[in-house]
């Protein structure tokens, strides 16, 4: 199954809103770290429902903002969720970003980068479209150190890339992006039941769930365009 087919199905089932709800717990902290100023051009890779751009428009007066996704159905839904003409949605491929060189101030991507068919080239494309001084905030829950995410590949037909934090760091630098920071953002809003409620459908022990949400969380790598 292609990325388009997979996420068209998700959008038709209303899963885009579900992803928005789950991702918002940590995504809002990533967005708060972005040095977006009024009028800055922002690109959201794998925009889904477009929630990140709506937030940046509301809080930072960013714009123009562009949400790129490979799923026409996701984009159709995203357009219905806002009437803000400062946000544009377009279908595109991570490996050939439809933007001019040095045309974007900030790139954001939440839980989407690992779907890229050629991740190193995607980072090269991000470096190409960013203006000097621009930033790329790439956030993922599916990464090597997060052992609780490893089984995700079993439940989706799309091939996913699982890098370690060091591999993200090295790939950013290889693509020409200086790594400004890299850390993990815990999810403190997911409710963790008491120990006597375990095992659950997803976790054998409470300790494992605490590790997943409070200690491992979302890996955020921030790249800086220097040229």
N, C-alpha and C. Protein backbone atom coordinates (compact mmCIF):
# COMPACT_ATOMS: atom_id res chain seq x y z
N UNK A 1 0.84 -1.19 0.00
CA UNK A 1 0.00 0.00 0.00
C UNK A 1 0.88 1.25 0.00
N UNK A 2 0.50 2.25 -0.78
CA UNK A 2 1.27 3.50 -0.84
C UNK A 2 0.93 4.40 0.33
N UNK A 3 1.77 5.42 0.55
CA UNK A 3 1.50 6.40 1.59
C UNK A 3 0.16 7.07 1.34
N UNK A 4 -0.09 7.41 0.07
CA UNK A 4 -1.36 8.05 -0.27
C UNK A 4 -2.54 7.17 0.10
N UNK A 5 -2.51 5.90 -0.29
CA UNK A 5 -3.62 5.01 -0.02
C UNK A 5 -3.85 4.81 1.48
N UNK A 6 -2.75 4.65 2.21
CA UNK A 6 -2.85 4.44 3.66
C UNK A 6 -3.53 5.62 4.34
N UNK A 7 -3.07 6.83 4.01
CA UNK A 7 -3.58 7.99 4.73
C UNK A 7 -4.88 8.53 4.15
N UNK A 8 -5.17 8.22 2.90
CA UNK A 8 -6.51 8.50 2.40
C UNK A 8 -7.53 7.72 3.21
N UNK A 9 -7.20 6.46 3.49
CA UNK A 9 -8.11 5.62 4.28
C UNK A 9 -8.26 6.16 5.69
N UNK A 10 -7.14 6.58 6.29
CA UNK A 10 -7.20 7.14 7.64
C UNK A 10 -8.08 8.37 7.67
N UNK A 11 -7.92 9.25 6.67
CA UNK A 11 -8.71 10.49 6.63
C UNK A 11 -10.18 10.19 6.48
N UNK A 12 -10.51 9.22 5.62
CA UNK A 12 -11.91 8.85 5.41
C UNK A 12 -12.55 8.30 6.67
N UNK A 13 -11.73 7.69 7.54
CA UNK A 13 -12.22 7.14 8.79
C UNK A 13 -12.20 8.14 9.94
N UNK A 14 -11.74 9.36 9.66
CA UNK A 14 -11.68 10.39 10.70
C UNK A 14 -10.48 10.27 11.62
N UNK A 15 -9.49 9.48 11.22
CA UNK A 15 -8.32 9.29 12.08
C UNK A 15 -7.42 10.52 12.13
N UNK A 16 -7.60 11.46 11.20
CA UNK A 16 -6.76 12.66 11.22
C UNK A 16 -7.01 13.46 12.50
N UNK A 17 -8.24 13.53 12.93
CA UNK A 17 -8.56 14.23 14.17
C UNK A 17 -8.00 13.48 15.38
N UNK A 18 -8.04 12.17 15.30
CA UNK A 18 -7.46 11.38 16.38
C UNK A 18 -5.97 11.58 16.51
N UNK A 19 -5.28 11.65 15.37
CA UNK A 19 -3.84 11.91 15.40
C UNK A 19 -3.56 13.30 15.97
N UNK A 20 -4.39 14.25 15.58
CA UNK A 20 -4.23 15.61 16.10
C UNK A 20 -4.33 15.61 17.62
N UNK A 21 -5.31 14.93 18.17
CA UNK A 21 -5.49 14.89 19.62
C UNK A 21 -4.30 14.25 20.31
N UNK A 22 -3.80 13.13 19.74
CA UNK A 22 -2.69 12.42 20.38
C UNK A 22 -1.39 13.20 20.27
N UNK A 23 -1.15 13.79 19.11
CA UNK A 23 0.12 14.47 18.89
C UNK A 23 0.21 15.81 19.60
N UNK A 24 -0.94 16.43 19.86
CA UNK A 24 -0.94 17.77 20.44
C UNK A 24 -0.24 17.82 21.79
N UNK A 25 -0.28 16.71 22.54
CA UNK A 25 0.33 16.68 23.87
C UNK A 25 1.78 17.11 23.84
N UNK A 26 2.52 16.68 22.81
CA UNK A 26 3.94 17.06 22.71
C UNK A 26 4.17 18.07 21.59
N UNK A 27 3.33 18.04 20.56
CA UNK A 27 3.53 18.97 19.44
C UNK A 27 3.47 20.42 19.90
N UNK A 28 2.60 20.72 20.85
CA UNK A 28 2.48 22.12 21.30
C UNK A 28 3.77 22.62 21.92
N UNK A 29 4.53 21.72 22.54
CA UNK A 29 5.81 22.13 23.13
C UNK A 29 6.86 22.36 22.04
N UNK A 30 6.80 21.57 20.97
CA UNK A 30 7.70 21.79 19.84
C UNK A 30 7.38 23.13 19.19
N UNK A 31 6.12 23.39 18.95
CA UNK A 31 5.71 24.65 18.32
C UNK A 31 6.12 25.85 19.15
N UNK A 32 6.04 25.71 20.47
CA UNK A 32 6.41 26.82 21.37
C UNK A 32 7.90 27.13 21.29
N UNK A 33 8.69 26.16 20.90
CA UNK A 33 10.14 26.37 20.80
C UNK A 33 10.56 27.02 19.48
N UNK A 34 9.68 26.97 18.50
CA UNK A 34 10.05 27.48 17.18
C UNK A 34 10.13 29.02 17.20
N UNK A 35 11.23 29.57 16.71
CA UNK A 35 11.41 31.03 16.74
C UNK A 35 10.67 31.73 15.60
N UNK A 36 9.37 31.47 15.52
CA UNK A 36 8.56 32.01 14.43
C UNK A 36 8.14 33.43 14.77
N UNK A 37 8.40 34.35 13.84
CA UNK A 37 8.01 35.74 14.00
C UNK A 37 6.88 36.07 13.03
N UNK A 38 6.13 37.14 13.30
CA UNK A 38 5.03 37.51 12.39
C UNK A 38 5.53 37.64 10.95
N UNK A 39 4.81 37.01 10.04
CA UNK A 39 5.16 37.10 8.63
C UNK A 39 6.12 36.03 8.14
N UNK A 40 6.65 35.20 9.04
CA UNK A 40 7.56 34.14 8.63
C UNK A 40 6.81 33.08 7.82
N UNK A 41 7.49 32.55 6.82
CA UNK A 41 6.94 31.49 5.99
C UNK A 41 7.25 30.14 6.63
N UNK A 42 6.20 29.33 6.83
CA UNK A 42 6.34 28.05 7.52
C UNK A 42 5.82 26.93 6.64
N UNK A 43 6.57 25.83 6.61
CA UNK A 43 6.17 24.63 5.88
C UNK A 43 5.99 23.49 6.87
N UNK A 44 4.83 22.85 6.82
CA UNK A 44 4.52 21.70 7.68
C UNK A 44 4.52 20.46 6.81
N UNK A 45 5.49 19.57 7.03
CA UNK A 45 5.61 18.34 6.25
C UNK A 45 4.78 17.23 6.89
N UNK A 46 3.86 16.68 6.13
CA UNK A 46 2.94 15.69 6.68
C UNK A 46 1.90 16.37 7.54
N UNK A 47 1.26 17.37 6.97
CA UNK A 47 0.42 18.28 7.77
C UNK A 47 -0.81 17.63 8.37
N UNK A 48 -1.31 16.54 7.76
CA UNK A 48 -2.50 15.89 8.32
C UNK A 48 -3.69 16.83 8.35
N UNK A 49 -4.22 17.08 9.54
CA UNK A 49 -5.38 17.96 9.70
C UNK A 49 -5.02 19.44 9.66
N UNK A 50 -3.72 19.75 9.62
CA UNK A 50 -3.29 21.14 9.56
C UNK A 50 -3.28 21.85 10.90
N UNK A 51 -3.37 21.10 12.00
CA UNK A 51 -3.49 21.71 13.32
C UNK A 51 -2.28 22.58 13.69
N UNK A 52 -1.08 22.17 13.28
CA UNK A 52 0.12 22.92 13.66
C UNK A 52 0.12 24.31 13.04
N UNK A 53 -0.27 24.40 11.78
CA UNK A 53 -0.29 25.70 11.11
C UNK A 53 -1.39 26.59 11.67
N UNK A 54 -2.52 26.01 12.01
CA UNK A 54 -3.58 26.81 12.63
C UNK A 54 -3.08 27.40 13.95
N UNK A 55 -2.33 26.61 14.71
CA UNK A 55 -1.80 27.09 15.98
C UNK A 55 -0.78 28.20 15.77
N UNK A 56 0.10 28.04 14.80
CA UNK A 56 1.13 29.06 14.54
C UNK A 56 0.52 30.36 14.02
N UNK A 57 -0.56 30.25 13.29
CA UNK A 57 -1.25 31.45 12.82
C UNK A 57 -1.90 32.17 14.01
N UNK A 58 -2.47 31.41 14.90
CA UNK A 58 -3.18 32.00 16.04
C UNK A 58 -2.22 32.64 17.05
N UNK A 59 -1.08 32.00 17.29
CA UNK A 59 -0.20 32.45 18.37
C UNK A 59 0.97 33.29 17.90
N UNK A 60 1.44 33.07 16.66
CA UNK A 60 2.64 33.76 16.19
C UNK A 60 2.40 34.65 14.99
N UNK A 61 1.18 34.65 14.47
CA UNK A 61 0.85 35.42 13.27
C UNK A 61 1.79 35.05 12.12
N UNK A 62 2.14 33.75 12.04
CA UNK A 62 2.99 33.28 10.95
C UNK A 62 2.24 33.37 9.63
N UNK A 63 3.01 33.47 8.56
CA UNK A 63 2.38 33.42 7.25
C UNK A 63 3.21 34.10 6.18
N UNK A 64 3.11 33.56 4.98
CA UNK A 64 2.22 32.48 4.58
C UNK A 64 2.66 31.12 5.13
N UNK A 65 1.70 30.25 5.37
CA UNK A 65 1.98 28.91 5.88
C UNK A 65 1.50 27.87 4.86
N UNK A 66 2.28 26.81 4.73
CA UNK A 66 1.96 25.78 3.76
C UNK A 66 1.97 24.41 4.43
N UNK A 67 0.90 23.65 4.22
CA UNK A 67 0.82 22.29 4.71
C UNK A 67 0.93 21.32 3.55
N UNK A 68 1.98 20.50 3.56
CA UNK A 68 2.21 19.55 2.49
C UNK A 68 1.89 18.14 2.97
N UNK A 69 1.18 17.40 2.13
CA UNK A 69 0.83 16.03 2.48
C UNK A 69 0.68 15.22 1.19
N UNK A 70 0.93 13.92 1.30
CA UNK A 70 0.79 13.06 0.13
C UNK A 70 -0.61 12.52 -0.05
N UNK A 71 -1.50 12.81 0.90
CA UNK A 71 -2.86 12.27 0.86
C UNK A 71 -3.87 13.34 0.47
N UNK A 72 -4.52 13.20 -0.68
CA UNK A 72 -5.55 14.16 -1.07
C UNK A 72 -6.69 14.24 -0.06
N UNK A 73 -7.05 13.11 0.55
CA UNK A 73 -8.15 13.11 1.51
C UNK A 73 -7.78 13.86 2.78
N UNK A 74 -6.54 13.71 3.24
CA UNK A 74 -6.08 14.48 4.40
C UNK A 74 -6.16 15.96 4.09
N UNK A 75 -5.71 16.34 2.90
CA UNK A 75 -5.72 17.75 2.52
C UNK A 75 -7.14 18.28 2.38
N UNK A 76 -8.03 17.46 1.87
CA UNK A 76 -9.43 17.88 1.75
C UNK A 76 -10.01 18.18 3.13
N UNK A 77 -9.73 17.30 4.08
CA UNK A 77 -10.20 17.53 5.44
C UNK A 77 -9.59 18.78 6.03
N UNK A 78 -8.27 18.94 5.85
CA UNK A 78 -7.56 20.08 6.43
C UNK A 78 -8.15 21.40 5.94
N UNK A 79 -8.50 21.46 4.67
CA UNK A 79 -9.08 22.69 4.12
C UNK A 79 -10.44 22.99 4.75
N UNK A 80 -11.16 21.93 5.11
CA UNK A 80 -12.47 22.13 5.72
C UNK A 80 -12.37 22.61 7.16
N UNK A 81 -11.22 22.41 7.79
CA UNK A 81 -11.06 22.76 9.20
C UNK A 81 -10.68 24.22 9.41
N UNK A 82 -10.41 24.95 8.33
CA UNK A 82 -10.04 26.36 8.48
C UNK A 82 -10.48 27.16 7.27
N UNK A 83 -10.81 28.42 7.51
CA UNK A 83 -11.08 29.33 6.40
C UNK A 83 -10.02 30.43 6.34
N UNK A 84 -8.88 30.19 6.98
CA UNK A 84 -7.77 31.15 7.03
C UNK A 84 -7.04 31.13 5.68
N UNK A 85 -7.09 32.25 4.96
CA UNK A 85 -6.43 32.30 3.65
C UNK A 85 -4.92 32.46 3.77
N UNK A 86 -4.41 32.54 5.00
CA UNK A 86 -2.96 32.58 5.21
C UNK A 86 -2.35 31.20 5.24
N UNK A 87 -3.19 30.17 5.15
CA UNK A 87 -2.73 28.78 5.14
C UNK A 87 -3.10 28.16 3.80
N UNK A 88 -2.10 27.61 3.13
CA UNK A 88 -2.34 26.89 1.88
C UNK A 88 -1.97 25.43 2.03
N UNK A 89 -2.76 24.57 1.42
CA UNK A 89 -2.48 23.13 1.48
C UNK A 89 -2.19 22.61 0.09
N UNK A 90 -1.18 21.78 -0.01
CA UNK A 90 -0.82 21.24 -1.31
C UNK A 90 -0.32 19.81 -1.18
N UNK A 91 -0.61 19.06 -2.22
CA UNK A 91 -0.15 17.69 -2.26
C UNK A 91 1.28 17.67 -2.81
N UNK A 92 2.15 16.93 -2.17
CA UNK A 92 3.53 16.88 -2.63
C UNK A 92 4.30 15.73 -2.01
N UNK A 93 5.50 15.56 -2.49
CA UNK A 93 6.38 14.48 -2.07
C UNK A 93 7.51 15.04 -1.23
N UNK A 94 7.85 14.35 -0.16
CA UNK A 94 8.93 14.80 0.72
C UNK A 94 10.27 14.86 -0.02
N UNK A 95 10.41 14.09 -1.09
CA UNK A 95 11.69 14.01 -1.78
C UNK A 95 11.83 15.04 -2.89
N UNK A 96 10.81 15.82 -3.13
CA UNK A 96 10.87 16.87 -4.15
C UNK A 96 9.95 17.99 -3.71
N UNK A 97 10.41 18.78 -2.74
CA UNK A 97 9.55 19.83 -2.17
C UNK A 97 9.28 20.91 -3.22
N UNK A 98 8.01 21.25 -3.44
CA UNK A 98 7.63 22.18 -4.50
C UNK A 98 7.80 23.65 -4.09
N UNK A 99 9.01 23.97 -3.65
CA UNK A 99 9.32 25.33 -3.22
C UNK A 99 10.69 25.74 -3.75
N UNK A 100 10.85 27.03 -3.96
CA UNK A 100 12.12 27.55 -4.47
C UNK A 100 13.20 27.47 -3.39
N UNK A 101 14.44 27.46 -3.82
CA UNK A 101 15.57 27.50 -2.90
C UNK A 101 15.52 28.78 -2.07
N UNK A 102 15.82 28.68 -0.78
CA UNK A 102 15.85 29.83 0.13
C UNK A 102 14.51 30.56 0.19
N UNK A 103 13.42 29.80 0.29
CA UNK A 103 12.10 30.44 0.28
C UNK A 103 11.30 30.21 1.56
N UNK A 104 11.80 29.37 2.47
CA UNK A 104 11.06 29.01 3.69
C UNK A 104 11.85 29.42 4.92
N UNK A 105 11.15 29.98 5.92
CA UNK A 105 11.83 30.37 7.16
C UNK A 105 11.91 29.22 8.16
N UNK A 106 10.86 28.40 8.23
CA UNK A 106 10.84 27.32 9.21
C UNK A 106 10.12 26.10 8.65
N UNK A 107 10.67 24.94 8.93
CA UNK A 107 10.02 23.67 8.57
C UNK A 107 9.67 22.94 9.87
N UNK A 108 8.46 22.43 9.91
CA UNK A 108 7.98 21.65 11.05
C UNK A 108 7.50 20.31 10.54
N UNK A 109 7.77 19.24 11.29
CA UNK A 109 7.22 17.94 10.94
C UNK A 109 7.04 17.12 12.21
N UNK A 110 5.80 16.66 12.41
CA UNK A 110 5.48 15.89 13.61
C UNK A 110 4.95 14.53 13.21
N UNK A 111 5.65 13.48 13.60
CA UNK A 111 5.23 12.12 13.36
C UNK A 111 4.97 11.84 11.88
N UNK A 112 5.88 12.31 11.03
CA UNK A 112 5.70 12.09 9.59
C UNK A 112 7.02 11.82 8.88
N UNK A 113 8.12 12.31 9.41
CA UNK A 113 9.40 12.23 8.69
C UNK A 113 9.77 10.79 8.36
N UNK A 114 9.47 9.85 9.24
CA UNK A 114 9.90 8.47 9.02
C UNK A 114 9.14 7.78 7.90
N UNK A 115 8.15 8.44 7.30
CA UNK A 115 7.47 7.90 6.14
C UNK A 115 8.16 8.28 4.83
N UNK A 116 9.15 9.15 4.88
CA UNK A 116 9.86 9.56 3.67
C UNK A 116 10.53 8.35 3.03
N UNK A 117 10.45 8.24 1.71
CA UNK A 117 11.05 7.11 1.02
C UNK A 117 12.56 7.20 0.98
N UNK A 118 13.09 8.42 1.05
CA UNK A 118 14.54 8.63 1.04
C UNK A 118 14.87 9.73 2.06
N UNK A 119 14.91 9.38 3.35
CA UNK A 119 15.07 10.39 4.40
C UNK A 119 16.29 11.30 4.24
N UNK A 120 17.47 10.77 3.88
CA UNK A 120 18.61 11.68 3.72
C UNK A 120 18.34 12.75 2.65
N UNK A 121 17.69 12.33 1.55
CA UNK A 121 17.39 13.30 0.50
C UNK A 121 16.32 14.30 0.96
N UNK A 122 15.37 13.84 1.75
CA UNK A 122 14.37 14.76 2.29
C UNK A 122 15.04 15.86 3.10
N UNK A 123 16.04 15.49 3.90
CA UNK A 123 16.77 16.51 4.67
C UNK A 123 17.53 17.45 3.75
N UNK A 124 18.06 16.94 2.65
CA UNK A 124 18.71 17.81 1.67
C UNK A 124 17.72 18.80 1.07
N UNK A 125 16.51 18.32 0.81
CA UNK A 125 15.47 19.19 0.28
C UNK A 125 15.08 20.25 1.31
N UNK A 126 14.99 19.86 2.57
CA UNK A 126 14.68 20.82 3.62
C UNK A 126 15.77 21.88 3.69
N UNK A 127 17.03 21.45 3.63
CA UNK A 127 18.14 22.40 3.67
C UNK A 127 18.11 23.33 2.46
N UNK A 128 17.69 22.82 1.33
CA UNK A 128 17.63 23.63 0.11
C UNK A 128 16.59 24.74 0.22
N UNK A 129 15.39 24.40 0.71
CA UNK A 129 14.32 25.40 0.70
C UNK A 129 14.43 26.39 1.86
N UNK A 130 15.19 26.05 2.90
CA UNK A 130 15.31 26.96 4.04
C UNK A 130 16.20 28.16 3.70
N UNK A 131 15.78 29.31 4.16
CA UNK A 131 16.63 30.50 4.06
C UNK A 131 17.76 30.40 5.09
N UNK A 132 18.88 31.06 4.85
CA UNK A 132 19.94 31.09 5.87
C UNK A 132 19.38 31.57 7.20
N UNK A 133 19.65 30.82 8.26
CA UNK A 133 19.10 31.15 9.57
C UNK A 133 17.78 30.49 9.85
N UNK A 134 17.23 29.81 8.84
CA UNK A 134 15.97 29.11 9.03
C UNK A 134 16.14 27.84 9.84
N UNK A 135 15.04 27.34 10.37
CA UNK A 135 15.10 26.16 11.25
C UNK A 135 14.22 25.03 10.75
N UNK A 136 14.62 23.82 11.11
CA UNK A 136 13.82 22.62 10.85
C UNK A 136 13.61 21.91 12.17
N UNK A 137 12.38 21.77 12.57
CA UNK A 137 12.02 21.07 13.81
C UNK A 137 11.35 19.75 13.42
N UNK A 138 12.09 18.66 13.57
CA UNK A 138 11.62 17.34 13.17
C UNK A 138 11.39 16.51 14.43
N UNK A 139 10.14 16.12 14.67
CA UNK A 139 9.76 15.41 15.89
C UNK A 139 9.20 14.03 15.54
N UNK A 140 9.69 13.01 16.24
CA UNK A 140 9.24 11.64 15.98
C UNK A 140 9.10 10.86 17.28
N UNK A 141 8.11 10.00 17.33
CA UNK A 141 7.99 9.04 18.43
C UNK A 141 8.58 7.69 18.04
N UNK A 142 8.66 7.44 16.74
CA UNK A 142 9.20 6.17 16.23
C UNK A 142 10.70 6.35 16.01
N UNK A 143 11.48 5.94 16.99
CA UNK A 143 12.94 6.06 16.89
C UNK A 143 13.58 4.93 17.68
N UNK A 144 14.85 4.68 17.44
CA UNK A 144 15.50 3.48 17.94
C UNK A 144 15.46 3.35 19.46
N UNK A 145 15.73 4.42 20.17
CA UNK A 145 15.77 4.35 21.62
C UNK A 145 14.41 4.08 22.25
N UNK A 146 13.36 4.43 21.54
CA UNK A 146 12.01 4.18 22.05
C UNK A 146 11.60 2.75 21.70
N UNK A 147 11.97 1.82 22.54
CA UNK A 147 11.72 0.41 22.27
C UNK A 147 10.22 0.11 22.20
N UNK A 148 9.42 0.94 22.81
CA UNK A 148 7.97 0.72 22.80
C UNK A 148 7.34 1.05 21.46
N UNK A 149 8.10 1.71 20.57
CA UNK A 149 7.57 2.05 19.25
C UNK A 149 7.95 1.03 18.19
N UNK A 150 8.86 0.13 18.49
CA UNK A 150 9.41 -0.75 17.46
C UNK A 150 8.35 -1.61 16.77
N UNK A 151 7.31 -1.98 17.46
CA UNK A 151 6.30 -2.85 16.88
C UNK A 151 5.37 -2.13 15.92
N UNK A 152 5.45 -0.79 15.86
CA UNK A 152 4.52 -0.04 15.02
C UNK A 152 4.59 -0.49 13.56
N UNK A 153 5.78 -0.84 13.08
CA UNK A 153 5.92 -1.24 11.69
C UNK A 153 5.02 -2.43 11.35
N UNK A 154 4.72 -3.26 12.35
CA UNK A 154 3.89 -4.44 12.11
C UNK A 154 2.45 -4.09 11.77
N UNK A 155 2.03 -2.87 12.12
CA UNK A 155 0.63 -2.50 11.98
C UNK A 155 0.37 -1.52 10.83
N UNK A 156 1.38 -1.30 10.02
CA UNK A 156 1.21 -0.38 8.89
C UNK A 156 1.96 -0.94 7.69
N UNK A 157 1.37 -0.81 6.51
CA UNK A 157 1.96 -1.39 5.31
C UNK A 157 3.06 -0.53 4.69
N UNK A 158 3.18 0.70 5.12
CA UNK A 158 4.20 1.60 4.59
C UNK A 158 5.53 1.30 5.28
N UNK A 159 6.62 1.28 4.50
CA UNK A 159 7.94 1.08 5.09
C UNK A 159 8.34 2.34 5.85
N UNK A 160 8.74 2.16 7.12
CA UNK A 160 9.11 3.27 7.98
C UNK A 160 10.61 3.22 8.29
N UNK A 161 11.20 4.39 8.49
CA UNK A 161 12.62 4.48 8.83
C UNK A 161 12.76 4.71 10.33
N UNK A 162 13.47 3.80 10.99
CA UNK A 162 13.70 3.94 12.44
C UNK A 162 15.17 4.24 12.69
N UNK A 163 15.44 5.52 12.91
CA UNK A 163 16.80 5.97 13.21
C UNK A 163 16.97 6.18 14.71
N UNK A 164 18.21 6.13 15.15
CA UNK A 164 18.54 6.51 16.52
C UNK A 164 18.74 8.02 16.57
N UNK A 165 18.85 8.56 17.77
CA UNK A 165 19.13 10.00 17.92
C UNK A 165 20.43 10.35 17.24
N UNK A 166 21.45 9.51 17.39
CA UNK A 166 22.75 9.78 16.75
C UNK A 166 22.63 9.76 15.24
N UNK A 167 21.81 8.86 14.71
CA UNK A 167 21.64 8.80 13.26
C UNK A 167 20.92 10.05 12.75
N UNK A 168 19.94 10.55 13.49
CA UNK A 168 19.30 11.81 13.11
C UNK A 168 20.33 12.94 13.11
N UNK A 169 21.12 12.99 14.15
CA UNK A 169 22.14 14.04 14.28
C UNK A 169 23.08 14.00 13.08
N UNK A 170 23.59 12.81 12.75
CA UNK A 170 24.53 12.67 11.65
C UNK A 170 23.89 13.00 10.30
N UNK A 171 22.64 12.57 10.10
CA UNK A 171 21.96 12.82 8.83
C UNK A 171 21.68 14.31 8.62
N UNK A 172 21.32 15.01 9.68
CA UNK A 172 21.12 16.46 9.58
C UNK A 172 22.41 17.13 9.13
N UNK A 173 23.50 16.79 9.76
CA UNK A 173 24.78 17.41 9.43
C UNK A 173 25.21 17.07 8.01
N UNK A 174 24.98 15.81 7.60
CA UNK A 174 25.35 15.40 6.25
C UNK A 174 24.56 16.16 5.20
N UNK A 175 23.33 16.52 5.54
CA UNK A 175 22.47 17.27 4.61
C UNK A 175 22.80 18.76 4.58
N UNK A 176 23.68 19.20 5.46
CA UNK A 176 24.06 20.61 5.48
C UNK A 176 23.32 21.43 6.52
N UNK A 177 22.67 20.76 7.48
CA UNK A 177 21.97 21.45 8.55
C UNK A 177 22.76 21.32 9.84
N UNK A 178 23.11 22.43 10.45
CA UNK A 178 23.73 22.38 11.77
C UNK A 178 22.68 21.94 12.78
N UNK A 179 23.09 21.09 13.71
CA UNK A 179 22.15 20.63 14.73
C UNK A 179 22.18 21.60 15.91
N UNK A 180 21.13 22.39 16.02
CA UNK A 180 21.06 23.40 17.07
C UNK A 180 20.75 22.77 18.42
N UNK A 181 19.93 21.71 18.41
CA UNK A 181 19.61 21.02 19.66
C UNK A 181 18.97 19.67 19.33
N UNK A 182 19.01 18.80 20.31
CA UNK A 182 18.33 17.52 20.18
C UNK A 182 18.00 17.01 21.58
N UNK A 183 16.74 16.74 21.83
CA UNK A 183 16.34 16.21 23.12
C UNK A 183 14.99 15.51 22.98
N UNK A 184 14.47 15.00 24.07
CA UNK A 184 13.17 14.35 24.05
C UNK A 184 12.17 15.15 24.87
N UNK A 185 10.93 15.14 24.40
CA UNK A 185 9.85 15.87 25.06
C UNK A 185 8.88 14.86 25.64
N UNK A 186 8.76 14.79 26.96
CA UNK A 186 7.84 13.82 27.56
C UNK A 186 6.39 14.21 27.34
N UNK A 187 5.55 13.20 27.33
CA UNK A 187 4.10 13.40 27.27
C UNK A 187 3.58 13.29 28.70
N UNK A 188 3.23 14.41 29.28
CA UNK A 188 2.77 14.43 30.66
C UNK A 188 1.25 14.45 30.78
N UNK A 189 0.56 14.35 29.64
CA UNK A 189 -0.90 14.43 29.67
C UNK A 189 -1.59 13.07 29.53
N UNK A 190 -0.88 12.09 28.98
CA UNK A 190 -1.46 10.75 28.92
C UNK A 190 -1.59 10.23 30.35
N UNK A 191 -2.77 9.80 30.71
CA UNK A 191 -3.01 9.32 32.06
C UNK A 191 -2.42 7.92 32.23
N UNK A 192 -1.66 7.73 33.30
CA UNK A 192 -1.06 6.44 33.58
C UNK A 192 -1.79 5.80 34.75
N UNK A 193 -2.43 4.66 34.53
CA UNK A 193 -3.22 4.00 35.59
C UNK A 193 -2.33 3.51 36.73
N UNK A 194 -2.94 3.18 37.87
CA UNK A 194 -2.17 2.62 38.98
C UNK A 194 -1.62 1.24 38.63
N UNK A 195 -0.63 0.79 39.39
CA UNK A 195 0.06 -0.46 39.08
C UNK A 195 -0.87 -1.66 39.03
N UNK A 196 -1.92 -1.65 39.85
CA UNK A 196 -2.80 -2.82 39.89
C UNK A 196 -3.71 -2.93 38.66
N UNK A 197 -3.65 -1.95 37.77
CA UNK A 197 -4.45 -1.99 36.54
C UNK A 197 -3.71 -2.72 35.41
N UNK A 198 -2.46 -3.06 35.64
CA UNK A 198 -1.67 -3.70 34.60
C UNK A 198 -1.66 -5.22 34.81
N UNK A 199 -1.45 -5.96 33.70
CA UNK A 199 -1.15 -5.52 32.35
C UNK A 199 -2.37 -4.94 31.63
N UNK A 200 -2.11 -4.05 30.67
CA UNK A 200 -3.17 -3.49 29.82
C UNK A 200 -2.99 -4.07 28.41
N UNK A 201 -3.80 -3.60 27.49
CA UNK A 201 -3.67 -4.07 26.10
C UNK A 201 -2.34 -3.68 25.48
N UNK A 202 -1.73 -2.62 26.00
CA UNK A 202 -0.51 -2.11 25.38
C UNK A 202 0.74 -2.28 26.24
N UNK A 203 0.58 -2.36 27.55
CA UNK A 203 1.75 -2.40 28.42
C UNK A 203 1.62 -3.51 29.45
N UNK A 204 2.73 -4.22 29.67
CA UNK A 204 2.76 -5.27 30.67
C UNK A 204 2.83 -4.70 32.09
N UNK A 205 3.59 -3.60 32.24
CA UNK A 205 3.79 -3.03 33.56
C UNK A 205 3.60 -1.52 33.53
N UNK A 206 3.33 -0.97 34.69
CA UNK A 206 3.21 0.49 34.80
C UNK A 206 4.56 1.15 34.51
N UNK A 207 5.65 0.48 34.92
CA UNK A 207 6.99 1.02 34.70
C UNK A 207 7.26 1.22 33.20
N UNK A 208 6.78 0.28 32.39
CA UNK A 208 6.99 0.39 30.95
C UNK A 208 6.23 1.59 30.38
N UNK A 209 5.01 1.80 30.87
CA UNK A 209 4.23 2.94 30.38
C UNK A 209 4.84 4.26 30.83
N UNK A 210 5.34 4.31 32.05
CA UNK A 210 6.02 5.51 32.54
C UNK A 210 7.24 5.80 31.67
N UNK A 211 7.99 4.76 31.36
CA UNK A 211 9.17 4.94 30.51
C UNK A 211 8.79 5.49 29.15
N UNK A 212 7.75 4.92 28.55
CA UNK A 212 7.32 5.35 27.21
C UNK A 212 6.92 6.81 27.18
N UNK A 213 6.09 7.24 28.11
CA UNK A 213 5.53 8.58 28.03
C UNK A 213 6.29 9.64 28.81
N UNK A 214 6.81 9.29 29.97
CA UNK A 214 7.44 10.30 30.82
C UNK A 214 8.95 10.40 30.62
N UNK A 215 9.58 9.31 30.18
CA UNK A 215 11.04 9.33 30.06
C UNK A 215 11.51 9.40 28.61
N UNK A 216 10.93 8.60 27.72
CA UNK A 216 11.36 8.58 26.33
C UNK A 216 10.68 9.68 25.53
N UNK A 217 9.37 9.65 25.46
CA UNK A 217 8.63 10.73 24.81
C UNK A 217 8.95 10.87 23.33
N UNK A 218 8.93 12.11 22.86
CA UNK A 218 9.13 12.45 21.46
C UNK A 218 10.54 12.98 21.24
N UNK A 219 11.23 12.39 20.28
CA UNK A 219 12.57 12.86 19.93
C UNK A 219 12.45 14.07 19.02
N UNK A 220 13.07 15.17 19.42
CA UNK A 220 13.06 16.41 18.62
C UNK A 220 14.49 16.75 18.22
N UNK A 221 14.70 16.85 16.92
CA UNK A 221 15.99 17.30 16.40
C UNK A 221 15.75 18.63 15.70
N UNK A 222 16.52 19.63 16.07
CA UNK A 222 16.37 20.97 15.50
C UNK A 222 17.57 21.28 14.63
N UNK A 223 17.32 21.52 13.35
CA UNK A 223 18.37 21.86 12.42
C UNK A 223 18.36 23.34 12.07
N UNK A 224 19.54 23.86 11.78
CA UNK A 224 19.70 25.27 11.44
C UNK A 224 20.38 25.39 10.08
N UNK A 225 19.76 26.14 9.18
CA UNK A 225 20.36 26.39 7.86
C UNK A 225 21.40 27.48 8.00
N UNK A 226 22.63 27.17 7.67
CA UNK A 226 23.73 28.12 7.86
C UNK A 226 24.18 28.79 6.57
N UNK A 227 23.73 28.28 5.44
CA UNK A 227 24.14 28.87 4.16
C UNK A 227 22.94 29.17 3.29
